Amino acid sequence: MSSPQRIPAKERLVTDIKPEDTRVGIVGTVVDFKGSTVVVDDGTGKAEVSFEEPPAVRAGQIVRVFGRAMPADAGVTIQGEILQDFSDADTESYRKVSRMWESSLKEI
């Protein structure tokens, strides 16, 4: 028996996360962390990301986070599912390709 599939995550900038987005992926810099909560800044805004277990992160680390977007009074919070170290990634090229991919999907 196969397990149910998750809804695909939409690559977003923090300021572009919409209330109807169920799962999102963001890339940014860890600016703060305490216990199981990490604050990620992608240059457009900050998102608080909560995990079940404290992730192994450091301030200044570039990460990619996937999780459930949750509405909040002060912006957006994300219930984190996956945190990837993106320190060695070319984030500018990654964002450029992501924008091209999203616009090509709109044309279909």
Protein backbone atom coordinates (compact mmCIF):
# COMPACT_ATOMS: atom_id res chain seq x y z
CA MET A 1 0.00 0.00 0.00
CA SER A 2 1.45 3.36 -0.99
CA SER A 3 1.59 6.28 1.39
CA PRO A 4 -0.32 9.47 0.59
CA GLN A 5 1.66 12.06 -1.33
CA ARG A 6 2.35 15.49 0.07
CA ILE A 7 1.26 18.62 -1.72
CA PRO A 8 4.32 19.99 -3.56
CA ALA A 9 6.03 22.95 -1.92
CA LYS A 10 5.94 26.24 -3.82
CA GLU A 11 9.23 28.12 -3.93
CA ARG A 12 8.50 31.55 -2.48
CA LEU A 13 10.11 34.69 -1.20
CA VAL A 14 8.91 35.42 2.31
CA THR A 15 6.94 38.49 1.15
CA ASP A 16 5.27 36.42 -1.59
CA ILE A 17 3.83 33.72 0.69
CA LYS A 18 0.08 33.75 0.22
CA PRO A 19 -2.60 32.62 2.70
CA GLU A 20 -3.61 29.85 0.28
CA ASP A 21 -0.06 28.42 0.13
CA THR A 22 -0.10 25.14 2.00
CA ARG A 23 3.53 24.09 1.64
CA VAL A 24 6.37 26.44 0.78
CA GLY A 25 10.11 26.39 0.25
CA ILE A 26 12.27 29.39 1.11
CA VAL A 27 16.00 30.07 0.88
CA GLY A 28 17.61 32.52 3.27
CA THR A 29 20.09 33.25 6.01
CA VAL A 30 19.67 32.10 9.59
CA VAL A 31 19.52 35.32 11.60
CA ASP A 32 18.39 33.86 14.91
CA PHE A 33 17.59 30.52 16.52
CA LYS A 34 16.46 29.32 19.90
CA GLY A 35 15.56 25.75 20.73
CA SER A 36 13.43 24.37 17.92
CA THR A 37 12.74 27.74 16.28
CA VAL A 38 14.86 29.31 13.53
CA VAL A 39 14.41 32.77 12.00
CA VAL A 40 15.28 32.87 8.29
CA ASP A 41 15.76 36.13 6.36
CA ASP A 42 15.63 35.94 2.56
CA GLY A 43 16.20 39.65 1.93
CA THR A 44 12.48 40.38 1.47
CA GLY A 45 11.41 39.50 4.99
CA LYS A 46 11.86 37.15 7.89
CA ALA A 47 10.04 33.90 8.62
CA GLU A 48 9.96 32.06 11.91
CA VAL A 49 10.35 28.32 11.30
CA SER A 50 9.48 25.83 14.04
CA PHE A 51 10.71 22.24 14.05
CA GLU A 52 9.90 19.24 16.23
CA GLU A 53 13.59 18.85 17.14
CA PRO A 54 16.20 21.62 17.37
CA PRO A 55 18.01 21.73 14.00
CA ALA A 56 21.80 21.95 13.77
CA VAL A 57 22.20 25.51 12.47
CA ARG A 58 24.42 28.50 13.07
CA ALA A 59 23.86 32.23 12.66
CA GLY A 60 24.77 33.36 9.14
CA GLN A 61 24.20 29.93 7.61
CA ILE A 62 22.29 29.87 4.31
CA VAL A 63 19.51 27.28 4.39
CA ARG A 64 16.59 26.04 2.35
CA VAL A 65 13.48 25.24 4.36
CA PHE A 66 10.38 23.32 3.34
CA GLY A 67 7.27 23.35 5.48
CA ARG A 68 3.67 24.33 6.07
CA ALA A 69 2.92 28.04 5.91
CA MET A 70 0.83 29.20 8.83
CA PRO A 71 -0.86 32.61 9.04
CA ALA A 72 0.41 34.75 11.91
CA ASP A 73 -0.26 38.23 13.26
CA ALA A 74 3.29 39.37 12.52
CA GLY A 75 3.90 37.98 9.04
CA VAL A 76 4.36 34.29 8.46
CA THR A 77 5.45 31.29 10.43
CA ILE A 78 6.40 27.97 8.92
CA GLN A 79 6.00 24.56 10.49
CA GLY A 80 9.33 23.21 9.30
CA GLU A 81 9.58 19.76 7.73
CA ILE A 82 13.00 19.86 6.06
CA LEU A 83 16.03 22.11 6.56
CA GLN A 84 18.91 21.84 4.08
CA ASP A 85 22.31 23.47 4.35
CA PHE A 86 22.54 25.73 1.29
CA SER A 87 25.84 27.38 2.24
CA ASP A 88 27.64 26.14 -0.88
CA ALA A 89 24.80 26.97 -3.28
CA ASP A 90 24.84 29.85 -5.73
CA THR A 91 21.65 31.39 -4.34
CA GLU A 92 21.38 34.09 -7.00
CA SER A 93 21.42 31.51 -9.80
CA TYR A 94 19.05 29.31 -7.81
CA ARG A 95 16.53 32.15 -7.47
CA LYS A 96 16.88 33.04 -11.15
CA VAL A 97 16.14 29.47 -12.23
CA SER A 98 13.24 29.24 -9.75
CA ARG A 99 11.67 32.41 -11.21
CA MET A 100 12.09 31.06 -14.75
CA TRP A 101 10.50 27.75 -13.73
CA GLU A 102 7.52 29.45 -12.06
CA SER A 103 6.89 31.69 -15.08
CA SER A 104 7.11 28.74 -17.47
CA LEU A 105 4.47 26.89 -15.43
CA LYS A 106 2.12 29.87 -15.76
CA GLU A 107 2.38 29.61 -19.56
CA ILE A 108 1.22 26.00 -19.62
